[in-house]
C-alpha atoms as a PDB file:
ATOM      1  CA  MET A   1       0.000   0.000   0.000  1.00  0.00           C
ATOM      2  CA  ARG A   2       1.360   3.406  -0.909  1.00  0.00           C
ATOM      3  CA  LEU A   3       1.314   6.141   1.690  1.00  0.00           C
ATOM      4  CA  ILE A   4      -0.240   9.396   0.534  1.00  0.00           C
ATOM      5  CA  PHE A   5       0.866  12.575   2.287  1.00  0.00           C
ATOM      6  CA  LYS A   6      -1.144  15.758   2.130  1.00  0.00           C
ATOM      7  CA  ARG A   7       0.611  19.010   1.350  1.00  0.00           C
ATOM      8  CA  PRO A   8       1.695  20.490   4.702  1.00  0.00           C
ATOM      9  CA  PRO A   9      -0.256  23.621   5.598  1.00  0.00           C
ATOM     10  CA  LEU A  10       1.593  26.933   5.517  1.00  0.00           C
ATOM     11  CA  ARG A  11       1.252  27.273   9.276  1.00  0.00           C
ATOM     12  CA  ASP A  12       4.140  29.672   9.672  1.00  0.00           C
ATOM     13  CA  THR A  13       3.002  32.354   7.235  1.00  0.00           C
ATOM     14  CA  ASN A  14      -0.010  34.160   5.842  1.00  0.00           C
ATOM     15  CA  ASP A  15       1.822  34.837   2.618  1.00  0.00           C
ATOM     16  CA  ASP A  16      -0.994  35.121   0.062  1.00  0.00           C
ATOM     17  CA  ARG A  17       1.550  35.377  -2.753  1.00  0.00           C
ATOM     18  CA  THR A  18       2.712  31.823  -2.093  1.00  0.00           C
ATOM     19  CA  LYS A  19      -0.866  30.536  -2.129  1.00  0.00           C
ATOM     20  CA  LEU A  20      -1.598  32.466  -5.336  1.00  0.00           C
ATOM     21  CA  LEU A  21       1.514  31.012  -6.976  1.00  0.00           C
ATOM     22  CA  TYR A  22       0.338  27.496  -6.156  1.00  0.00           C
ATOM     23  CA  ASP A  23      -3.303  28.038  -7.101  1.00  0.00           C
ATOM     24  CA  THR A  24      -2.486  29.481 -10.540  1.00  0.00           C
ATOM     25  CA  ALA A  25       0.415  27.179 -11.447  1.00  0.00           C
ATOM     26  CA  PRO A  26       0.131  24.751 -14.369  1.00  0.00           C
ATOM     27  CA  LEU A  27      -0.779  21.205 -13.380  1.00  0.00           C
ATOM     28  CA  SER A  28       2.729  19.817 -13.977  1.00  0.00           C
ATOM     29  CA  MET A  29       4.277  22.516 -11.784  1.00  0.00           C
ATOM     30  CA  ARG A  30       1.660  21.905  -9.109  1.00  0.00           C
ATOM     31  CA  ASP A  31       2.599  18.223  -9.111  1.00  0.00           C
ATOM     32  CA  LEU A  32       6.288  19.063  -8.687  1.00  0.00           C
ATOM     33  CA  LEU A  33       5.587  21.608  -5.942  1.00  0.00           C
ATOM     34  CA  ASP A  34       3.410  19.053  -4.160  1.00  0.00           C
ATOM     35  CA  ILE A  35       6.289  16.576  -4.154  1.00  0.00           C
ATOM     36  CA  MET A  36       8.641  19.265  -2.817  1.00  0.00           C
ATOM     37  CA  TRP A  37       6.191  20.169  -0.061  1.00  0.00           C
ATOM     38  CA  GLN A  38       5.601  16.531   0.847  1.00  0.00           C
ATOM     39  CA  ARG A  39       9.289  15.560   0.840  1.00  0.00           C
ATOM     40  CA  HIS A  40      10.324  14.732   4.383  1.00  0.00           C
ATOM     41  CA  THR A  41      12.701  12.645   6.443  1.00  0.00           C
ATOM     42  CA  CYS A  42      11.153   9.429   7.727  1.00  0.00           C
ATOM     43  CA  ARG A  43      12.817   8.131  10.898  1.00  0.00           C
ATOM     44  CA  ALA A  44      10.219   5.417  11.502  1.00  0.00           C
ATOM     45  CA  ALA A  45      11.093   1.724  11.334  1.00  0.00           C
ATOM     46  CA  PHE A  46      10.601   0.211   7.884  1.00  0.00           C
ATOM     47  CA  ASP A  47       9.000  -3.123   7.076  1.00  0.00           C
ATOM     48  CA  PRO A  48      11.995  -5.398   6.316  1.00  0.00           C
ATOM     49  CA  ASN A  49       9.781  -7.833   4.423  1.00  0.00           C
ATOM     50  CA  LYS A  50       8.316  -5.277   2.037  1.00  0.00           C
ATOM     51  CA  LYS A  51      10.993  -4.876  -0.593  1.00  0.00           C
ATOM     52  CA  ILE A  52      11.498  -2.062  -3.057  1.00  0.00           C
ATOM     53  CA  CYS A  53      10.425  -3.575  -6.353  1.00  0.00           C
ATOM     54  CA  GLU A  54      13.018  -3.697  -9.121  1.00  0.00           C
ATOM     55  CA  PRO A  55      11.173  -1.298 -11.492  1.00  0.00           C
ATOM     56  CA  ASP A  56      10.999   1.317  -8.721  1.00  0.00           C
ATOM     57  CA  LEU A  57      14.676   0.818  -7.882  1.00  0.00           C
ATOM     58  CA  GLN A  58      15.588   1.375 -11.523  1.00  0.00           C
ATOM     59  CA  ARG A  59      13.487   4.565 -11.592  1.00  0.00           C
ATOM     60  CA  ILE A  60      15.300   5.785  -8.481  1.00  0.00           C
ATOM     61  CA  LEU A  61      18.716   5.077  -9.976  1.00  0.00           C
ATOM     62  CA  ASP A  62      17.680   6.722 -13.251  1.00  0.00           C
ATOM     63  CA  ALA A  63      16.703   9.873 -11.326  1.00  0.00           C
ATOM     64  CA  ALA A  64      20.166   9.907  -9.766  1.00  0.00           C
ATOM     65  CA  ARG A  65      21.719   9.384 -13.199  1.00  0.00           C
ATOM     66  CA  TRP A  66      20.136  12.593 -14.473  1.00  0.00           C
ATOM     67  CA  ALA A  67      21.157  14.764 -11.530  1.00  0.00           C
ATOM     68  CA  PRO A  68      23.102  17.844 -12.647  1.00  0.00           C
ATOM     69  CA  THR A  69      26.795  17.628 -11.811  1.00  0.00           C
ATOM     70  CA  ALA A  70      29.577  20.175 -12.262  1.00  0.00           C
ATOM     71  CA  HIS A  71      31.237  19.842 -15.694  1.00  0.00           C
ATOM     72  CA  ASN A  72      29.056  16.722 -16.113  1.00  0.00           C
ATOM     73  CA  LEU A  73      31.772  14.735 -14.340  1.00  0.00           C
ATOM     74  CA  GLN A  74      29.126  12.486 -12.756  1.00  0.00           C
ATOM     75  CA  ASN A  75      31.576  11.738  -9.949  1.00  0.00           C
ATOM     76  CA  PHE A  76      29.423   9.330  -7.976  1.00  0.00           C
ATOM     77  CA  GLU A  77      28.686   5.636  -7.657  1.00  0.00           C
ATOM     78  CA  ILE A  78      25.731   4.097  -5.830  1.00  0.00           C
ATOM     79  CA  ILE A  79      25.830   0.769  -3.986  1.00  0.00           C
ATOM     80  CA  ALA A  80      22.307  -0.589  -3.451  1.00  0.00           C
ATOM     81  CA  VAL A  81      22.410  -2.875  -0.408  1.00  0.00           C
ATOM     82  CA  ASP A  82      19.501  -5.257   0.162  1.00  0.00           C
ATOM     83  CA  ASP A  83      21.445  -8.316   1.372  1.00  0.00           C
ATOM     84  CA  ALA A  84      20.340  -9.136   4.931  1.00  0.00           C
ATOM     85  CA  HIS A  85      23.831 -10.223   6.043  1.00  0.00           C
ATOM     86  CA  ARG A  86      25.507  -7.034   4.829  1.00  0.00           C
ATOM     87  CA  LEU A  87      22.791  -4.874   6.353  1.00  0.00           C
ATOM     88  CA  ALA A  88      23.249  -6.707   9.643  1.00  0.00           C
ATOM     89  CA  ALA A  89      27.018  -6.164   9.497  1.00  0.00           C
ATOM     90  CA  ILE A  90      26.506  -2.428   9.000  1.00  0.00           C
ATOM     91  CA  ARG A  91      23.972  -2.383  11.839  1.00  0.00           C
ATOM     92  CA  ALA A  92      26.599  -3.783  14.190  1.00  0.00           C
ATOM     93  CA  ILE A  93      28.978  -0.855  13.675  1.00  0.00           C
ATOM     94  CA  ARG A  94      29.357   1.247  16.802  1.00  0.00           C
ATOM     95  CA  LEU A  95      28.564   4.851  15.988  1.00  0.00           C
ATOM     96  CA  PRO A  96      28.983   7.460  18.722  1.00  0.00           C
ATOM     97  CA  PRO A  97      27.182  10.737  18.014  1.00  0.00           C
ATOM     98  CA  ALA A  98      29.759  13.401  17.319  1.00  0.00           C
ATOM     99  CA  GLU A  99      29.962  15.852  20.223  1.00  0.00           C
ATOM    100  CA  THR A 100      30.347  18.732  17.763  1.00  0.00           C
ATOM    101  CA  LEU A 101      27.116  17.704  16.024  1.00  0.00           C
ATOM    102  CA  VAL A 102      25.220  17.595  19.296  1.00  0.00           C
ATOM    103  CA  GLY A 103      26.709  20.898  20.451  1.00  0.00           C
ATOM    104  CA  GLU A 104      26.194  22.731  17.160  1.00  0.00           C
ATOM    105  CA  ASN A 105      22.646  21.465  16.757  1.00  0.00           C
ATOM    106  CA  SER A 106      21.713  22.630  20.239  1.00  0.00           C
ATOM    107  CA  ARG A 107      21.948  26.221  19.028  1.00  0.00           C
ATOM    108  CA  HIS A 108      19.381  25.524  16.306  1.00  0.00           C
ATOM    109  CA  LEU A 109      16.859  23.594  18.387  1.00  0.00           C
ATOM    110  CA  SER A 110      13.520  24.932  19.540  1.00  0.00           C
ATOM    111  CA  LEU A 111      11.976  23.558  22.706  1.00  0.00           C
ATOM    112  CA  SER A 112       8.405  24.275  21.622  1.00  0.00           C
ATOM    113  CA  GLU A 113       6.364  24.645  18.444  1.00  0.00           C
ATOM    114  CA  ALA A 114       5.729  28.283  19.313  1.00  0.00           C
ATOM    115  CA  GLU A 115       9.462  28.968  19.403  1.00  0.00           C
ATOM    116  CA  LEU A 116       9.999  27.145  16.111  1.00  0.00           C
ATOM    117  CA  LEU A 117       7.199  29.103  14.439  1.00  0.00           C
ATOM    118  CA  ARG A 118       8.764  32.333  15.646  1.00  0.00           C
ATOM    119  CA  ARG A 119      12.265  31.439  14.430  1.00  0.00           C
ATOM    120  CA  ARG A 120      11.134  29.759  11.168  1.00  0.00           C
ATOM    121  CA  THR A 121      14.455  27.861  10.983  1.00  0.00           C
ATOM    122  CA  GLY A 122      15.904  24.856  12.796  1.00  0.00           C
ATOM    123  CA  LEU A 123      14.302  21.806  14.354  1.00  0.00           C
ATOM    124  CA  LEU A 124      12.267  20.740  17.359  1.00  0.00           C
ATOM    125  CA  ALA A 125      14.385  19.220  20.125  1.00  0.00           C
ATOM    126  CA  SER A 126      11.893  16.346  20.342  1.00  0.00           C
ATOM    127  CA  MET A 127      12.964  15.132  16.878  1.00  0.00           C
ATOM    128  CA  PHE A 128      16.362  13.943  18.128  1.00  0.00           C
ATOM    129  CA  PRO A 129      16.936  10.418  19.499  1.00  0.00           C
ATOM    130  CA  GLU A 130      16.289  10.017  23.212  1.00  0.00           C
ATOM    131  CA  SER A 131      19.749   8.483  23.693  1.00  0.00           C
ATOM    132  CA  TRP A 132      21.336  11.787  22.694  1.00  0.00           C
ATOM    133  CA  LYS A 133      19.628  13.417  25.664  1.00  0.00           C
ATOM    134  CA  GLU A 134      21.051  10.940  28.152  1.00  0.00           C
ATOM    135  CA  THR A 135      24.445  11.235  29.809  1.00  0.00           C
ATOM    136  CA  ASP A 136      27.167   8.701  30.371  1.00  0.00           C
ATOM    137  CA  PRO A 137      27.252   7.601  34.040  1.00  0.00           C
ATOM    138  CA  ALA A 138      31.032   7.254  33.852  1.00  0.00           C
ATOM    139  CA  THR A 139      33.164   9.399  36.096  1.00  0.00           C
ATOM    140  CA  GLY A 140      36.170  11.507  35.267  1.00  0.00           C
ATOM    141  CA  GLU A 141      36.600  13.356  31.990  1.00  0.00           C
ATOM    142  CA  ASN A 142      33.896  11.257  30.304  1.00  0.00           C
ATOM    143  CA  ALA A 143      31.241  12.148  32.867  1.00  0.00           C
ATOM    144  CA  GLY A 144      28.192  13.706  31.275  1.00  0.00           C
ATOM    145  CA  ALA A 145      29.183  12.683  27.753  1.00  0.00           C
ATOM    146  CA  PRO A 146      26.438  11.408  25.403  1.00  0.00           C
ATOM    147  CA  ILE A 147      25.930   7.646  25.533  1.00  0.00           C
ATOM    148  CA  HIS A 148      27.163   5.804  22.444  1.00  0.00           C
ATOM    149  CA  ILE A 149      24.431   4.680  20.096  1.00  0.00           C
ATOM    150  CA  TYR A 150      24.475   1.943  17.480  1.00  0.00           C
ATOM    151  CA  LEU A 151      23.960   2.566  13.810  1.00  0.00           C
ATOM    152  CA  GLY A 152      21.371  -0.221  13.884  1.00  0.00           C
ATOM    153  CA  ARG A 153      19.003   2.089  15.711  1.00  0.00           C
ATOM    154  CA  THR A 154      18.971   4.130  12.533  1.00  0.00           C
ATOM    155  CA  ILE A 155      18.874   1.541   9.765  1.00  0.00           C
ATOM    156  CA  GLU A 156      17.306  -1.527  11.386  1.00  0.00           C
ATOM    157  CA  LYS A 157      14.259  -2.899   9.610  1.00  0.00           C
ATOM    158  CA  CYS A 158      15.447  -1.310   6.404  1.00  0.00           C
ATOM    159  CA  PRO A 159      14.961  -3.354   3.204  1.00  0.00           C
ATOM    160  CA  LEU A 160      17.254  -1.158   1.096  1.00  0.00           C
ATOM    161  CA  LEU A 161      20.241   1.039   1.810  1.00  0.00           C
ATOM    162  CA  LEU A 162      21.777   3.259  -0.864  1.00  0.00           C
ATOM    163  CA  VAL A 163      25.408   4.218  -0.272  1.00  0.00           C
ATOM    164  CA  VAL A 164      26.582   7.092  -2.477  1.00  0.00           C
ATOM    165  CA  VAL A 165      30.353   7.390  -2.932  1.00  0.00           C
ATOM    166  CA  HIS A 166      32.621   9.708  -4.911  1.00  0.00           C
ATOM    167  CA  ASP A 167      36.184   9.440  -6.184  1.00  0.00           C
ATOM    168  CA  CYS A 168      38.333  11.694  -3.991  1.00  0.00           C
ATOM    169  CA  ARG A 169      41.020  11.763  -6.703  1.00  0.00           C
ATOM    170  CA  LEU A 170      38.758  13.747  -9.021  1.00  0.00           C
ATOM    171  CA  GLU A 171      38.067  17.402  -8.396  1.00  0.00           C
ATOM    172  CA  VAL A 172      36.090  19.909 -10.399  1.00  0.00           C
ATOM    173  CA  PRO A 173      38.527  22.376 -12.001  1.00  0.00           C
ATOM    174  CA  ALA A 174      38.834  25.786 -10.299  1.00  0.00           C
ATOM    175  CA  ALA A 175      36.696  24.689  -7.330  1.00  0.00           C
ATOM    176  CA  GLU A 176      38.510  25.150  -4.033  1.00  0.00           C
ATOM    177  CA  GLY A 177      38.017  22.154  -1.780  1.00  0.00           C
ATOM    178  CA  ASP A 178      35.970  20.512  -4.534  1.00  0.00           C
ATOM    179  CA  SER A 179      33.004  22.633  -3.459  1.00  0.00           C
ATOM    180  CA  LEU A 180      31.288  22.108  -6.816  1.00  0.00           C
ATOM    181  CA  GLY A 181      31.751  18.363  -6.502  1.00  0.00           C
ATOM    182  CA  LEU A 182      30.035  18.407  -3.107  1.00  0.00           C
ATOM    183  CA  MET A 183      27.222  20.507  -4.555  1.00  0.00           C
ATOM    184  CA  SER A 184      26.826  17.869  -7.267  1.00  0.00           C
ATOM    185  CA  LEU A 185      26.338  15.189  -4.598  1.00  0.00           C
ATOM    186  CA  GLY A 186      23.640  17.417  -3.129  1.00  0.00           C
ATOM    187  CA  CYS A 187      21.883  17.410  -6.502  1.00  0.00           C
ATOM    188  CA  VAL A 188      22.008  13.603  -6.531  1.00  0.00           C
ATOM    189  CA  MET A 189      20.506  13.553  -3.031  1.00  0.00           C
ATOM    190  CA  GLN A 190      17.706  15.910  -4.068  1.00  0.00           C
ATOM    191  CA  ASN A 191      16.816  13.813  -7.106  1.00  0.00           C
ATOM    192  CA  LEU A 192      16.745  10.668  -4.962  1.00  0.00           C
ATOM    193  CA  TRP A 193      14.500  12.339  -2.420  1.00  0.00           C
ATOM    194  CA  LEU A 194      12.047  13.699  -4.981  1.00  0.00           C
ATOM    195  CA  ILE A 195      11.707  10.461  -6.947  1.00  0.00           C
ATOM    196  CA  THR A 196      11.200   8.332  -3.830  1.00  0.00           C
ATOM    197  CA  GLU A 197       8.573  10.759  -2.569  1.00  0.00           C
ATOM    198  CA  SER A 198       6.775  10.581  -5.909  1.00  0.00           C
ATOM    199  CA  LEU A 199       6.805   6.768  -5.730  1.00  0.00           C
ATOM    200  CA  GLY A 200       5.385   6.696  -2.196  1.00  0.00           C
ATOM    201  CA  ILE A 201       8.668   5.341  -0.766  1.00  0.00           C
ATOM    202  CA  SER A 202       9.998   6.768   2.477  1.00  0.00           C
ATOM    203  CA  MET A 203      13.620   7.881   2.732  1.00  0.00           C
ATOM    204  CA  GLN A 204      16.046   9.002   5.405  1.00  0.00           C
ATOM    205  CA  VAL A 205      19.486  10.430   4.616  1.00  0.00           C
ATOM    206  CA  LEU A 206      22.329   9.121   6.796  1.00  0.00           C
ATOM    207  CA  SER A 207      25.559  11.067   7.103  1.00  0.00           C
ATOM    208  CA  GLY A 208      27.200   8.970   9.819  1.00  0.00           C
ATOM    209  CA  LEU A 209      28.506   6.281   7.464  1.00  0.00           C
ATOM    210  CA  GLY A 210      31.135   8.654   6.109  1.00  0.00           C
ATOM    211  CA  THR A 211      32.715   9.552   9.448  1.00  0.00           C
ATOM    212  CA  ASN A 212      36.065   8.394  10.811  1.00  0.00           C
ATOM    213  CA  ASP A 213      36.561   4.641  11.207  1.00  0.00           C
ATOM    214  CA  VAL A 214      32.885   3.970  10.427  1.00  0.00           C
ATOM    215  CA  GLU A 215      33.607   4.674   6.772  1.00  0.00           C
ATOM    216  CA  VAL A 216      36.521   2.202   6.793  1.00  0.00           C
ATOM    217  CA  GLN A 217      34.284  -0.533   8.196  1.00  0.00           C
ATOM    218  CA  VAL A 218      31.528   0.125   5.652  1.00  0.00           C
ATOM    219  CA  GLN A 219      34.105   0.129   2.848  1.00  0.00           C
ATOM    220  CA  SER A 220      35.307  -3.269   4.036  1.00  0.00           C
ATOM    221  CA  ILE A 221      31.794  -4.737   4.281  1.00  0.00           C
ATOM    222  CA  LEU A 222      30.783  -3.529   0.825  1.00  0.00           C
ATOM    223  CA  GLY A 223      34.140  -3.934  -0.935  1.00  0.00           C
ATOM    224  CA  ILE A 224      34.457  -0.209  -1.628  1.00  0.00           C
ATOM    225  CA  PRO A 225      37.979   0.895  -2.719  1.00  0.00           C
ATOM    226  CA  LEU A 226      39.662   3.357  -0.363  1.00  0.00           C
ATOM    227  CA  HIS A 227      39.728   6.136  -2.979  1.00  0.00           C
ATOM    228  CA  LEU A 228      35.921   6.108  -3.078  1.00  0.00           C
ATOM    229  CA  LYS A 229      34.691   8.160  -0.150  1.00  0.00           C
ATOM    230  CA  ILE A 230      31.169   7.926   1.226  1.00  0.00           C
ATOM    231  CA  GLY A 231      29.242  11.118   0.551  1.00  0.00           C
ATOM    232  CA  PHE A 232      26.018   9.986   2.181  1.00  0.00           C
ATOM    233  CA  ALA A 233      23.722   7.015   2.488  1.00  0.00           C
ATOM    234  CA  ALA A 234      19.934   6.721   2.434  1.00  0.00           C
ATOM    235  CA  ARG A 235      17.626   4.137   3.927  1.00  0.00           C
ATOM    236  CA  LEU A 236      14.527   3.405   1.851  1.00  0.00           C
ATOM    237  CA  GLY A 237      11.382   1.495   2.629  1.00  0.00           C
ATOM    238  CA  TYR A 238       7.781   1.511   3.781  1.00  0.00           C
ATOM    239  CA  PRO A 239       7.058   2.454   7.424  1.00  0.00           C
ATOM    240  CA  LEU A 240       5.582  -0.183   9.701  1.00  0.00           C
ATOM    241  CA  THR A 241       3.492   2.531  11.324  1.00  0.00           C
ATOM    242  CA  ALA A 242       2.473   6.023  10.311  1.00  0.00           C
ATOM    243  CA  PRO A 243       5.510   8.299  10.663  1.00  0.00           C
ATOM    244  CA  GLU A 244       5.473  10.647  13.626  1.00  0.00           C
ATOM    245  CA  SER A 245       4.389  14.102  12.541  1.00  0.00           C
ATOM    246  CA  HIS A 246       6.563  17.099  13.369  1.00  0.00           C
ATOM    247  CA  LEU A 247       5.963  20.745  12.675  1.00  0.00           C
ATOM    248  CA  ARG A 248       7.831  21.875   9.553  1.00  0.00           C
ATOM    249  CA  VAL A 249       8.611  25.515   8.986  1.00  0.00           C
ATOM    250  CA  ARG A 250      10.183  27.622   6.264  1.00  0.00           C
ATOM    251  CA  ARG A 251      10.961  31.295   5.990  1.00  0.00           C
ATOM    252  CA  ARG A 252       8.572  33.466   4.023  1.00  0.00           C
ATOM    253  CA  ILE A 253       9.726  34.310   0.506  1.00  0.00           C
ATOM    254  CA  GLN A 254      10.159  37.973   1.424  1.00  0.00           C
ATOM    255  CA  ASP A 255      12.449  36.946   4.272  1.00  0.00           C
ATOM    256  CA  PHE A 256      15.168  35.608   1.957  1.00  0.00           C
ATOM    257  CA  ALA A 257      14.467  36.929  -1.561  1.00  0.00           C
ATOM    258  CA  HIS A 258      15.703  40.339  -2.711  1.00  0.00           C
ATOM    259  CA  ARG A 259      14.878  42.296  -5.852  1.00  0.00           C
ATOM    260  CA  ASN A 260      17.732  44.038  -7.709  1.00  0.00           C
ATOM    261  CA  ARG A 261      19.767  44.661  -4.540  1.00  0.00           C
ATOM    262  CA  TYR A 262      20.230  43.208  -1.080  1.00  0.00           C
ATOM    263  CA  THR A 263      18.035  44.696   1.622  1.00  0.00           C
ATOM    264  CA  ALA A 264      19.126  44.250   5.217  1.00  0.00           C
ATOM    265  CA  PRO A 265      16.449  42.846   7.557  1.00  0.00           C
ATOM    266  CA  PRO A 266      14.771  45.340   9.903  1.00  0.00           C
END
């Protein structure tokens, strides 16, 4: 059964111009905007027995194939993992949450929906795993540190995992730090997200597979050469239960768009 998501209401704005743009748009544009509005991260457990059918997988990979990339270098490879033994091996990898991630995110978290609606950016604190809110009972310099979590809490009950890698030996010309190459991976991610949403398949992007020794272990499990670095991974599937609903906010168009020259906010 395919899950149908309604377009999220524009709860954070009374911007009539946005509504007018949607109401008067051609049907094809309305369909695309609907998919963009509905696109979301699904952190719910997926049914491991409900596989992604091969035609849908090929559509997903074709969408990635047509993602725009700098100089058309197409510097990415995708490993589609649906083997239960390999998924289990990846689940067993110990993945501590990076302290910098927890600390940096804390500045962008809202403790209530009212605060999030006022800020219009960031996330609700309730969206983060409970384990990140706990502290390590150890004493000494590790006291109060976040408890280690396992990657399996993120990808368990996942019938399909896509691991997107790029060749670190290739860089887009005249792009410091291969910034254009990283932007190209973002285009691949966006295409994957939009096509899965259109197919009624839930998706969650995972960035932890490309960190430190975790990447080395995943490379070993999947036979990935060392020169291919993990850009991101994505778990795909169909939720066992309806995904938990969280308030989603965006800035109003007039809050970020400028006409002819930049205008400082009041």
